[in-house]
C-alpha atoms as a PDB file:
ATOM      1  CA  UNK A   1      40.095 -18.986  -0.620  1.00  0.00           C
ATOM      2  CA  UNK A   2      40.727 -18.318   2.843  1.00  0.00           C
ATOM      3  CA  UNK A   3      40.792 -21.614   4.919  1.00  0.00           C
ATOM      4  CA  UNK A   4      38.695 -22.621   7.727  1.00  0.00           C
ATOM      5  CA  UNK A   5      41.558 -22.008  10.141  1.00  0.00           C
ATOM      6  CA  UNK A   6      42.139 -18.506   8.891  1.00  0.00           C
ATOM      7  CA  UNK A   7      38.414 -17.877   8.907  1.00  0.00           C
ATOM      8  CA  UNK A   8      38.202 -18.891  12.633  1.00  0.00           C
ATOM      9  CA  UNK A   9      41.096 -16.595  13.417  1.00  0.00           C
ATOM     10  CA  UNK A  10      39.367 -13.550  11.655  1.00  0.00           C
ATOM     11  CA  UNK A  11      36.049 -14.225  13.623  1.00  0.00           C
ATOM     12  CA  UNK A  12      37.911 -14.792  17.097  1.00  0.00           C
ATOM     13  CA  UNK A  13      40.010 -11.793  16.853  1.00  0.00           C
ATOM     14  CA  UNK A  14      37.985  -8.773  17.771  1.00  0.00           C
ATOM     15  CA  UNK A  15      40.702  -6.268  16.627  1.00  0.00           C
ATOM     16  CA  UNK A  16      40.225  -7.616  12.925  1.00  0.00           C
ATOM     17  CA  UNK A  17      36.524  -6.803  12.538  1.00  0.00           C
ATOM     18  CA  UNK A  18      35.607  -4.790  15.726  1.00  0.00           C
ATOM     19  CA  UNK A  19      32.818  -7.303  16.481  1.00  0.00           C
ATOM     20  CA  UNK A  20      32.789 -10.187  18.731  1.00  0.00           C
ATOM     21  CA  UNK A  21      32.264 -13.662  17.584  1.00  0.00           C
ATOM     22  CA  UNK A  22      28.894 -13.864  19.015  1.00  0.00           C
ATOM     23  CA  UNK A  23      27.860 -10.695  17.020  1.00  0.00           C
ATOM     24  CA  UNK A  24      29.448 -12.063  13.992  1.00  0.00           C
ATOM     25  CA  UNK A  25      27.424 -15.368  14.324  1.00  0.00           C
ATOM     26  CA  UNK A  26      24.127 -13.368  14.512  1.00  0.00           C
ATOM     27  CA  UNK A  27      24.936 -11.385  11.553  1.00  0.00           C
ATOM     28  CA  UNK A  28      25.569 -14.545   9.543  1.00  0.00           C
ATOM     29  CA  UNK A  29      22.219 -16.068  10.740  1.00  0.00           C
ATOM     30  CA  UNK A  30      20.344 -12.758  10.027  1.00  0.00           C
ATOM     31  CA  UNK A  31      22.032 -11.335   6.832  1.00  0.00           C
ATOM     32  CA  UNK A  32      22.842 -14.799   5.228  1.00  0.00           C
ATOM     33  CA  UNK A  33      19.322 -15.663   4.194  1.00  0.00           C
ATOM     34  CA  UNK A  34      18.604 -12.145   2.941  1.00  0.00           C
ATOM     35  CA  UNK A  35      21.843 -12.284   0.720  1.00  0.00           C
ATOM     36  CA  UNK A  36      20.718 -15.850  -0.527  1.00  0.00           C
ATOM     37  CA  UNK A  37      17.168 -14.581  -1.397  1.00  0.00           C
ATOM     38  CA  UNK A  38      18.606 -11.472  -3.137  1.00  0.00           C
ATOM     39  CA  UNK A  39      20.951 -13.841  -4.986  1.00  0.00           C
ATOM     40  CA  UNK A  40      18.304 -15.975  -6.167  1.00  0.00           C
ATOM     41  CA  UNK A  41      15.938 -13.204  -7.204  1.00  0.00           C
ATOM     42  CA  UNK A  42      18.768 -11.813  -9.431  1.00  0.00           C
ATOM     43  CA  UNK A  43      19.301 -15.106 -11.011  1.00  0.00           C
ATOM     44  CA  UNK A  44      15.463 -15.623 -11.869  1.00  0.00           C
ATOM     45  CA  UNK A  45      15.150 -12.089 -13.010  1.00  0.00           C
ATOM     46  CA  UNK A  46      17.307 -12.395 -16.091  1.00  0.00           C
ATOM     47  CA  UNK A  47      16.694 -14.492 -19.287  1.00  0.00           C
ATOM     48  CA  UNK A  48      18.676 -17.763 -18.851  1.00  0.00           C
ATOM     49  CA  UNK A  49      19.537 -20.685 -21.048  1.00  0.00           C
ATOM     50  CA  UNK A  50      20.139 -22.953 -18.179  1.00  0.00           C
ATOM     51  CA  UNK A  51      18.086 -23.880 -15.027  1.00  0.00           C
ATOM     52  CA  UNK A  52      18.496 -21.846 -11.833  1.00  0.00           C
ATOM     53  CA  UNK A  53      21.172 -23.503  -9.858  1.00  0.00           C
ATOM     54  CA  UNK A  54      22.943 -25.107 -12.501  1.00  0.00           C
ATOM     55  CA  UNK A  55      26.509 -24.270 -13.519  1.00  0.00           C
ATOM     56  CA  UNK A  56      29.465 -23.427 -11.443  1.00  0.00           C
ATOM     57  CA  UNK A  57      28.763 -23.047  -7.704  1.00  0.00           C
ATOM     58  CA  UNK A  58      30.098 -19.976  -5.697  1.00  0.00           C
ATOM     59  CA  UNK A  59      33.661 -20.708  -4.244  1.00  0.00           C
ATOM     60  CA  UNK A  60      33.543 -17.299  -2.300  1.00  0.00           C
ATOM     61  CA  UNK A  61      30.994 -18.402   0.263  1.00  0.00           C
ATOM     62  CA  UNK A  62      28.732 -15.878   2.121  1.00  0.00           C
ATOM     63  CA  UNK A  63      30.747 -15.990   5.278  1.00  0.00           C
ATOM     64  CA  UNK A  64      33.943 -14.903   3.410  1.00  0.00           C
ATOM     65  CA  UNK A  65      31.863 -12.138   1.734  1.00  0.00           C
ATOM     66  CA  UNK A  66      30.665 -10.975   5.186  1.00  0.00           C
ATOM     67  CA  UNK A  67      34.035 -11.006   6.706  1.00  0.00           C
ATOM     68  CA  UNK A  68      35.684  -9.202   3.764  1.00  0.00           C
ATOM     69  CA  UNK A  69      33.013  -6.478   4.184  1.00  0.00           C
ATOM     70  CA  UNK A  70      33.673  -6.035   7.733  1.00  0.00           C
ATOM     71  CA  UNK A  71      37.501  -5.936   7.416  1.00  0.00           C
ATOM     72  CA  UNK A  72      36.859  -3.336   4.635  1.00  0.00           C
ATOM     73  CA  UNK A  73      34.703  -1.149   6.970  1.00  0.00           C
ATOM     74  CA  UNK A  74      36.688  -1.540  10.076  1.00  0.00           C
ATOM     75  CA  UNK A  75      40.081  -0.786   8.546  1.00  0.00           C
ATOM     76  CA  UNK A  76      39.467   0.832   5.213  1.00  0.00           C
ATOM     77  CA  UNK A  77      41.455  -2.059   3.604  1.00  0.00           C
ATOM     78  CA  UNK A  78      41.597  -1.827  -0.254  1.00  0.00           C
ATOM     79  CA  UNK A  79      40.113  -4.412  -2.293  1.00  0.00           C
ATOM     80  CA  UNK A  80      43.407  -5.420  -3.883  1.00  0.00           C
ATOM     81  CA  UNK A  81      44.608  -6.452  -0.543  1.00  0.00           C
ATOM     82  CA  UNK A  82      41.422  -8.232   0.402  1.00  0.00           C
ATOM     83  CA  UNK A  83      41.590 -10.159  -2.755  1.00  0.00           C
ATOM     84  CA  UNK A  84      45.189 -11.277  -2.192  1.00  0.00           C
ATOM     85  CA  UNK A  85      43.859 -12.170   1.443  1.00  0.00           C
ATOM     86  CA  UNK A  86      40.871 -14.118   0.371  1.00  0.00           C
ATOM     87  CA  UNK A  87      42.510 -15.722  -2.833  1.00  0.00           C
ATOM     88  CA  UNK A  88      40.037 -14.284  -5.391  1.00  0.00           C
ATOM     89  CA  UNK A  89      40.011 -11.627  -8.107  1.00  0.00           C
ATOM     90  CA  UNK A  90      39.536  -7.924  -7.007  1.00  0.00           C
ATOM     91  CA  UNK A  91      36.296  -7.397  -8.912  1.00  0.00           C
ATOM     92  CA  UNK A  92      34.915 -10.366  -6.807  1.00  0.00           C
ATOM     93  CA  UNK A  93      35.715  -8.510  -3.616  1.00  0.00           C
ATOM     94  CA  UNK A  94      34.144  -5.314  -5.132  1.00  0.00           C
ATOM     95  CA  UNK A  95      31.011  -7.134  -6.265  1.00  0.00           C
ATOM     96  CA  UNK A  96      30.765  -8.958  -2.754  1.00  0.00           C
ATOM     97  CA  UNK A  97      30.938  -5.745  -0.641  1.00  0.00           C
ATOM     98  CA  UNK A  98      28.541  -4.052  -2.939  1.00  0.00           C
ATOM     99  CA  UNK A  99      26.008  -6.870  -2.228  1.00  0.00           C
ATOM    100  CA  UNK A 100      26.564  -7.124   1.473  1.00  0.00           C
ATOM    101  CA  UNK A 101      27.043  -3.652   2.533  1.00  0.00           C
ATOM    102  CA  UNK A 102      23.469  -2.381   1.687  1.00  0.00           C
ATOM    103  CA  UNK A 103      22.054  -5.282   3.618  1.00  0.00           C
ATOM    104  CA  UNK A 104      23.985  -4.203   6.764  1.00  0.00           C
ATOM    105  CA  UNK A 105      22.905  -0.617   6.183  1.00  0.00           C
ATOM    106  CA  UNK A 106      19.232  -1.707   6.320  1.00  0.00           C
ATOM    107  CA  UNK A 107      19.333  -3.265   9.626  1.00  0.00           C
ATOM    108  CA  UNK A 108      19.177  -0.077  11.611  1.00  0.00           C
ATOM    109  CA  UNK A 109      20.557   0.659  15.127  1.00  0.00           C
ATOM    110  CA  UNK A 110      20.033  -1.925  17.994  1.00  0.00           C
ATOM    111  CA  UNK A 111      18.798  -0.288  21.158  1.00  0.00           C
ATOM    112  CA  UNK A 112      17.668  -3.755  22.766  1.00  0.00           C
ATOM    113  CA  UNK A 113      17.525  -7.301  21.983  1.00  0.00           C
ATOM    114  CA  UNK A 114      15.110  -7.676  19.113  1.00  0.00           C
ATOM    115  CA  UNK A 115      14.406  -3.903  19.039  1.00  0.00           C
ATOM    116  CA  UNK A 116      15.919  -1.748  16.122  1.00  0.00           C
ATOM    117  CA  UNK A 117      15.428   1.698  14.982  1.00  0.00           C
ATOM    118  CA  UNK A 118      15.534   2.174  11.248  1.00  0.00           C
ATOM    119  CA  UNK A 119      13.985   5.551  10.708  1.00  0.00           C
ATOM    120  CA  UNK A 120      13.962   8.990  12.441  1.00  0.00           C
ATOM    121  CA  UNK A 121      10.183   8.708  13.204  1.00  0.00           C
ATOM    122  CA  UNK A 122      10.925   5.388  15.135  1.00  0.00           C
ATOM    123  CA  UNK A 123      13.712   7.089  17.130  1.00  0.00           C
ATOM    124  CA  UNK A 124      11.369  10.053  18.015  1.00  0.00           C
ATOM    125  CA  UNK A 125       8.805   7.519  19.177  1.00  0.00           C
ATOM    126  CA  UNK A 126      11.325   5.621  21.098  1.00  0.00           C
ATOM    127  CA  UNK A 127      12.484   8.749  22.986  1.00  0.00           C
ATOM    128  CA  UNK A 128       8.880   9.828  23.658  1.00  0.00           C
ATOM    129  CA  UNK A 129       8.689   7.313  26.431  1.00  0.00           C
ATOM    130  CA  UNK A 130      10.694  10.001  28.448  1.00  0.00           C
ATOM    131  CA  UNK A 131      14.208   9.811  27.171  1.00  0.00           C
ATOM    132  CA  UNK A 132      16.649  12.428  26.254  1.00  0.00           C
ATOM    133  CA  UNK A 133      18.201  12.584  22.850  1.00  0.00           C
ATOM    134  CA  UNK A 134      21.366  14.351  21.626  1.00  0.00           C
ATOM    135  CA  UNK A 135      22.049  15.328  17.897  1.00  0.00           C
ATOM    136  CA  UNK A 136      25.187  16.323  16.006  1.00  0.00           C
ATOM    137  CA  UNK A 137      26.438  16.487  12.613  1.00  0.00           C
ATOM    138  CA  UNK A 138      29.843  14.798  11.661  1.00  0.00           C
ATOM    139  CA  UNK A 139      31.846  15.238   8.477  1.00  0.00           C
ATOM    140  CA  UNK A 140      33.806  12.646   6.437  1.00  0.00           C
ATOM    141  CA  UNK A 141      36.464  13.630   4.030  1.00  0.00           C
ATOM    142  CA  UNK A 142      35.901  12.365   0.534  1.00  0.00           C
ATOM    143  CA  UNK A 143      37.611  12.851  -2.998  1.00  0.00           C
ATOM    144  CA  UNK A 144      37.014  16.102  -4.793  1.00  0.00           C
ATOM    145  CA  UNK A 145      34.881  15.757  -7.848  1.00  0.00           C
ATOM    146  CA  UNK A 146      36.540  15.694 -11.036  1.00  0.00           C
ATOM    147  CA  UNK A 147      37.152  18.936 -12.970  1.00  0.00           C
ATOM    148  CA  UNK A 148      34.164  19.981 -15.077  1.00  0.00           C
ATOM    149  CA  UNK A 149      31.639  18.321 -12.993  1.00  0.00           C
ATOM    150  CA  UNK A 150      28.503  20.085 -12.145  1.00  0.00           C
ATOM    151  CA  UNK A 151      28.240  21.549  -8.566  1.00  0.00           C
ATOM    152  CA  UNK A 152      31.944  20.778  -8.039  1.00  0.00           C
ATOM    153  CA  UNK A 153      32.129  23.067  -4.964  1.00  0.00           C
ATOM    154  CA  UNK A 154      29.003  21.697  -3.098  1.00  0.00           C
ATOM    155  CA  UNK A 155      31.164  19.168  -1.199  1.00  0.00           C
ATOM    156  CA  UNK A 156      33.284  21.774   0.206  1.00  0.00           C
ATOM    157  CA  UNK A 157      32.635  22.316   3.907  1.00  0.00           C
ATOM    158  CA  UNK A 158      32.300  25.737   5.182  1.00  0.00           C
ATOM    159  CA  UNK A 159      33.834  24.414   8.517  1.00  0.00           C
ATOM    160  CA  UNK A 160      36.834  22.701   7.374  1.00  0.00           C
ATOM    161  CA  UNK A 161      37.282  24.038   3.895  1.00  0.00           C
ATOM    162  CA  UNK A 162      37.700  20.577   2.721  1.00  0.00           C
ATOM    163  CA  UNK A 163      35.636  18.099   0.397  1.00  0.00           C
ATOM    164  CA  UNK A 164      33.467  16.182   2.710  1.00  0.00           C
ATOM    165  CA  UNK A 165      29.967  14.699   3.256  1.00  0.00           C
ATOM    166  CA  UNK A 166      27.813  15.271   6.367  1.00  0.00           C
ATOM    167  CA  UNK A 167      25.592  12.793   8.406  1.00  0.00           C
ATOM    168  CA  UNK A 168      23.484  13.719  11.401  1.00  0.00           C
ATOM    169  CA  UNK A 169      24.006  11.421  14.401  1.00  0.00           C
ATOM    170  CA  UNK A 170      21.403  11.002  17.194  1.00  0.00           C
ATOM    171  CA  UNK A 171      22.169   9.220  20.477  1.00  0.00           C
ATOM    172  CA  UNK A 172      20.549   8.842  23.804  1.00  0.00           C
ATOM    173  CA  UNK A 173      21.747  10.479  26.896  1.00  0.00           C
ATOM    174  CA  UNK A 174      24.328   7.672  27.600  1.00  0.00           C
ATOM    175  CA  UNK A 175      25.977   8.135  24.075  1.00  0.00           C
ATOM    176  CA  UNK A 176      24.383   4.973  22.552  1.00  0.00           C
ATOM    177  CA  UNK A 177      23.769   5.264  18.782  1.00  0.00           C
ATOM    178  CA  UNK A 178      20.034   5.410  17.964  1.00  0.00           C
ATOM    179  CA  UNK A 179      20.161   6.814  14.282  1.00  0.00           C
ATOM    180  CA  UNK A 180      22.563   7.940  11.585  1.00  0.00           C
ATOM    181  CA  UNK A 181      21.173   9.745   8.712  1.00  0.00           C
ATOM    182  CA  UNK A 182      22.110   9.372   5.015  1.00  0.00           C
ATOM    183  CA  UNK A 183      24.885  11.655   4.008  1.00  0.00           C
ATOM    184  CA  UNK A 184      24.488  15.048   2.446  1.00  0.00           C
ATOM    185  CA  UNK A 185      27.241  17.361   0.759  1.00  0.00           C
ATOM    186  CA  UNK A 186      29.643  18.949   3.151  1.00  0.00           C
ATOM    187  CA  UNK A 187      28.274  22.535   2.249  1.00  0.00           C
ATOM    188  CA  UNK A 188      24.892  21.533   3.745  1.00  0.00           C
ATOM    189  CA  UNK A 189      24.394  23.387   7.218  1.00  0.00           C
ATOM    190  CA  UNK A 190      23.489  21.006  10.083  1.00  0.00           C
ATOM    191  CA  UNK A 191      20.221  22.825  10.669  1.00  0.00           C
ATOM    192  CA  UNK A 192      19.289  22.413   7.044  1.00  0.00           C
ATOM    193  CA  UNK A 193      20.043  18.770   6.988  1.00  0.00           C
ATOM    194  CA  UNK A 194      17.863  18.258  10.284  1.00  0.00           C
ATOM    195  CA  UNK A 195      15.144  20.139   8.565  1.00  0.00           C
ATOM    196  CA  UNK A 196      15.306  18.122   5.367  1.00  0.00           C
ATOM    197  CA  UNK A 197      15.237  14.817   7.351  1.00  0.00           C
ATOM    198  CA  UNK A 198      11.899  16.138   8.726  1.00  0.00           C
ATOM    199  CA  UNK A 199      13.101  16.369  12.419  1.00  0.00           C
ATOM    200  CA  UNK A 200      11.252  19.681  13.026  1.00  0.00           C
ATOM    201  CA  UNK A 201       7.760  18.186  12.033  1.00  0.00           C
ATOM    202  CA  UNK A 202       8.444  14.935  13.881  1.00  0.00           C
ATOM    203  CA  UNK A 203       9.205  16.978  17.170  1.00  0.00           C
ATOM    204  CA  UNK A 204       6.480  19.623  16.619  1.00  0.00           C
ATOM    205  CA  UNK A 205       3.728  16.895  16.287  1.00  0.00           C
ATOM    206  CA  UNK A 206       5.172  14.331  18.676  1.00  0.00           C
ATOM    207  CA  UNK A 207       5.190  14.000  22.570  1.00  0.00           C
ATOM    208  CA  UNK A 208       7.301  16.474  24.550  1.00  0.00           C
ATOM    209  CA  UNK A 209      11.027  15.518  24.966  1.00  0.00           C
ATOM    210  CA  UNK A 210      14.316  16.998  25.142  1.00  0.00           C
ATOM    211  CA  UNK A 211      16.804  17.031  22.394  1.00  0.00           C
ATOM    212  CA  UNK A 212      20.214  18.491  23.126  1.00  0.00           C
ATOM    213  CA  UNK A 213      22.026  20.274  20.341  1.00  0.00           C
ATOM    214  CA  UNK A 214      24.903  22.541  19.767  1.00  0.00           C
ATOM    215  CA  UNK A 215      24.834  26.111  18.412  1.00  0.00           C
ATOM    216  CA  UNK A 216      24.545  25.052  14.851  1.00  0.00           C
ATOM    217  CA  UNK A 217      20.902  24.092  15.517  1.00  0.00           C
ATOM    218  CA  UNK A 218      19.947  27.434  17.114  1.00  0.00           C
ATOM    219  CA  UNK A 219      16.418  28.277  15.900  1.00  0.00           C
ATOM    220  CA  UNK A 220      14.891  24.938  16.072  1.00  0.00           C
ATOM    221  CA  UNK A 221      13.879  25.486  19.634  1.00  0.00           C
ATOM    222  CA  UNK A 222      11.342  27.873  18.641  1.00  0.00           C
ATOM    223  CA  UNK A 223      10.026  25.678  15.918  1.00  0.00           C
ATOM    224  CA  UNK A 224       9.665  22.608  17.931  1.00  0.00           C
ATOM    225  CA  UNK A 225       8.068  24.130  21.139  1.00  0.00           C
ATOM    226  CA  UNK A 226      11.288  24.100  23.290  1.00  0.00           C
ATOM    227  CA  UNK A 227      12.061  20.333  22.471  1.00  0.00           C
ATOM    228  CA  UNK A 228      15.358  21.325  20.874  1.00  0.00           C
ATOM    229  CA  UNK A 229      17.763  22.792  23.496  1.00  0.00           C
ATOM    230  CA  UNK A 230      20.766  24.743  22.283  1.00  0.00           C
ATOM    231  CA  UNK A 231      23.433  26.828  24.072  1.00  0.00           C
ATOM    232  CA  UNK A 232      22.242  30.127  25.440  1.00  0.00           C
ATOM    233  CA  UNK A 233      22.602  33.183  23.238  1.00  0.00           C
ATOM    234  CA  UNK A 234      24.819  36.079  24.244  1.00  0.00           C
ATOM    235  CA  UNK A 235      22.692  39.083  25.341  1.00  0.00           C
ATOM    236  CA  UNK A 236      25.696  41.351  25.304  1.00  0.00           C
ATOM    237  CA  UNK A 237      28.067  41.547  22.469  1.00  0.00           C
ATOM    238  CA  UNK A 238      30.159  44.351  23.839  1.00  0.00           C
ATOM    239  CA  UNK A 239      31.198  45.663  27.241  1.00  0.00           C
ATOM    240  CA  UNK A 240      29.367  42.621  28.923  1.00  0.00           C
ATOM    241  CA  UNK A 241      29.142  42.803  32.703  1.00  0.00           C
ATOM    242  CA  UNK A 242      31.516  40.572  34.657  1.00  0.00           C
ATOM    243  CA  UNK A 243      28.713  38.908  36.351  1.00  0.00           C
ATOM    244  CA  UNK A 244      27.073  38.027  33.045  1.00  0.00           C
ATOM    245  CA  UNK A 245      30.186  36.598  31.533  1.00  0.00           C
ATOM    246  CA  UNK A 246      30.700  34.378  34.357  1.00  0.00           C
ATOM    247  CA  UNK A 247      27.054  33.179  34.379  1.00  0.00           C
ATOM    248  CA  UNK A 248      26.940  32.774  30.622  1.00  0.00           C
ATOM    249  CA  UNK A 249      30.211  30.796  30.681  1.00  0.00           C
ATOM    250  CA  UNK A 250      28.699  28.313  33.422  1.00  0.00           C
ATOM    251  CA  UNK A 251      25.581  27.786  31.260  1.00  0.00           C
ATOM    252  CA  UNK A 252      27.499  27.084  28.301  1.00  0.00           C
ATOM    253  CA  UNK A 253      29.698  24.540  30.097  1.00  0.00           C
ATOM    254  CA  UNK A 254      26.712  22.796  31.780  1.00  0.00           C
ATOM    255  CA  UNK A 255      25.096  22.472  28.372  1.00  0.00           C
ATOM    256  CA  UNK A 256      28.347  21.136  26.810  1.00  0.00           C
ATOM    257  CA  UNK A 257      28.797  18.611  29.644  1.00  0.00           C
ATOM    258  CA  UNK A 258      25.346  17.106  28.978  1.00  0.00           C
ATOM    259  CA  UNK A 259      25.758  16.784  25.220  1.00  0.00           C
ATOM    260  CA  UNK A 260      29.274  15.600  25.147  1.00  0.00           C
ATOM    261  CA  UNK A 261      28.017  12.003  24.982  1.00  0.00           C
ATOM    262  CA  UNK A 262      27.198  12.461  21.217  1.00  0.00           C
ATOM    263  CA  UNK A 263      30.823  13.334  20.504  1.00  0.00           C
ATOM    264  CA  UNK A 264      31.851  10.001  22.157  1.00  0.00           C
ATOM    265  CA  UNK A 265      29.378   8.323  20.099  1.00  0.00           C
ATOM    266  CA  UNK A 266      30.659   9.896  16.870  1.00  0.00           C
ATOM    267  CA  UNK A 267      34.417   9.145  18.013  1.00  0.00           C
ATOM    268  CA  UNK A 268      33.469   5.387  18.254  1.00  0.00           C
ATOM    269  CA  UNK A 269      32.064   5.773  14.684  1.00  0.00           C
ATOM    270  CA  UNK A 270      35.361   7.347  13.569  1.00  0.00           C
ATOM    271  CA  UNK A 271      37.257   4.482  14.857  1.00  0.00           C
ATOM    272  CA  UNK A 272      36.021   2.507  11.798  1.00  0.00           C
ATOM    273  CA  UNK A 273      38.661   3.599   9.235  1.00  0.00           C
ATOM    274  CA  UNK A 274      36.148   3.739   6.444  1.00  0.00           C
ATOM    275  CA  UNK A 275      34.851   6.837   8.082  1.00  0.00           C
ATOM    276  CA  UNK A 276      38.180   8.625   8.755  1.00  0.00           C
ATOM    277  CA  UNK A 277      38.703   9.482   5.136  1.00  0.00           C
ATOM    278  CA  UNK A 278      36.840   7.668   2.128  1.00  0.00           C
ATOM    279  CA  UNK A 279      38.680   7.342  -1.048  1.00  0.00           C
ATOM    280  CA  UNK A 280      36.075   5.421  -2.898  1.00  0.00           C
ATOM    281  CA  UNK A 281      32.893   6.554  -4.680  1.00  0.00           C
ATOM    282  CA  UNK A 282      30.798   9.156  -2.878  1.00  0.00           C
ATOM    283  CA  UNK A 283      27.610   7.405  -3.834  1.00  0.00           C
ATOM    284  CA  UNK A 284      28.379   4.638  -1.369  1.00  0.00           C
ATOM    285  CA  UNK A 285      28.821   6.829   1.629  1.00  0.00           C
ATOM    286  CA  UNK A 286      25.192   6.672   3.093  1.00  0.00           C
ATOM    287  CA  UNK A 287      25.355   2.875   3.156  1.00  0.00           C
ATOM    288  CA  UNK A 288      28.847   2.930   4.618  1.00  0.00           C
ATOM    289  CA  UNK A 289      27.752   5.188   7.377  1.00  0.00           C
ATOM    290  CA  UNK A 290      24.561   3.583   8.157  1.00  0.00           C
ATOM    291  CA  UNK A 291      26.149  -0.015   8.000  1.00  0.00           C
ATOM    292  CA  UNK A 292      28.744   1.002  10.523  1.00  0.00           C
ATOM    293  CA  UNK A 293      26.180   2.667  12.877  1.00  0.00           C
ATOM    294  CA  UNK A 294      24.179  -0.331  12.799  1.00  0.00           C
ATOM    295  CA  UNK A 295      27.323  -2.734  13.444  1.00  0.00           C
ATOM    296  CA  UNK A 296      28.565  -0.572  16.115  1.00  0.00           C
ATOM    297  CA  UNK A 297      25.298  -0.159  18.062  1.00  0.00           C
ATOM    298  CA  UNK A 298      24.768  -4.023  17.776  1.00  0.00           C
ATOM    299  CA  UNK A 299      28.148  -4.518  19.392  1.00  0.00           C
ATOM    300  CA  UNK A 300      27.495  -1.984  22.031  1.00  0.00           C
ATOM    301  CA  UNK A 301      24.086  -3.590  22.998  1.00  0.00           C
ATOM    302  CA  UNK A 302      25.809  -6.963  23.149  1.00  0.00           C
ATOM    303  CA  UNK A 303      28.562  -5.776  25.404  1.00  0.00           C
ATOM    304  CA  UNK A 304      26.011  -3.925  27.607  1.00  0.00           C
ATOM    305  CA  UNK A 305      23.938  -7.155  27.992  1.00  0.00           C
ATOM    306  CA  UNK A 306      26.961  -9.187  29.032  1.00  0.00           C
ATOM    307  CA  UNK A 307      27.875  -6.857  31.742  1.00  0.00           C
ATOM    308  CA  UNK A 308      24.273  -6.741  32.909  1.00  0.00           C
ATOM    309  CA  UNK A 309      24.261 -10.614  32.937  1.00  0.00           C
ATOM    310  CA  UNK A 310      27.647 -10.605  34.860  1.00  0.00           C
END
């Protein structure tokens, strides 16, 4: 087992988990009871020959389970290395991460103290108060499905020509994460994923707002009453006048400079090594992406609160 001194060093060193000690303390207070409730429900749900609570007690306590999950997400550390670090078996680490990671994914993105956005509908309602949102798709490389698997090529991205999964990221005008969607296979187009998530219907039926997007979402503007703003189309494909080329380039640069904040938000996500390239099971990617988005937004909000108070 990791000792109390080593546990304190992990919590105190920002570079190990990517989170401040205050945020980790809040996670322990929030997620700990949920994990305990889930654990007790699992014990009572199966036939038993002994009373609930009898038998050997967990030596791998919840705090260590949470820290192992955070280190795995932040640095992509293998379960074998974590098992050596925490002094337990590899299967114990795998089971612990499998229990804690979904609880982190369910938390949603923190936008203010006590305010979290868990669904796309909540994000649209939040932005309806006069905010501006920015959307973009991001790809994460994954392992290629085994030979003979059905739909083996559906994970091949048309952009990078590599096996990947894709998530839609939505930030505010300052680049703060508001929402990160479950992943889809890499062959899915950005606009198709947005439609499948119900973004068109939510925008068309909701209050007027501005959602900035790149050329991959062209066509959604007409479907949402002008709420989705994409780069301007080229009206001249050949022999364009010089004045038009100059104006078109200025318009595209102005749009790009407004939506660059979402690229910064995605870059912060990719700082967590679990999203640089995933070598584990693809079925876990939605939980991994949403857990990291929730943790990152929590840390960003905590840092912003400290700056405001200072």
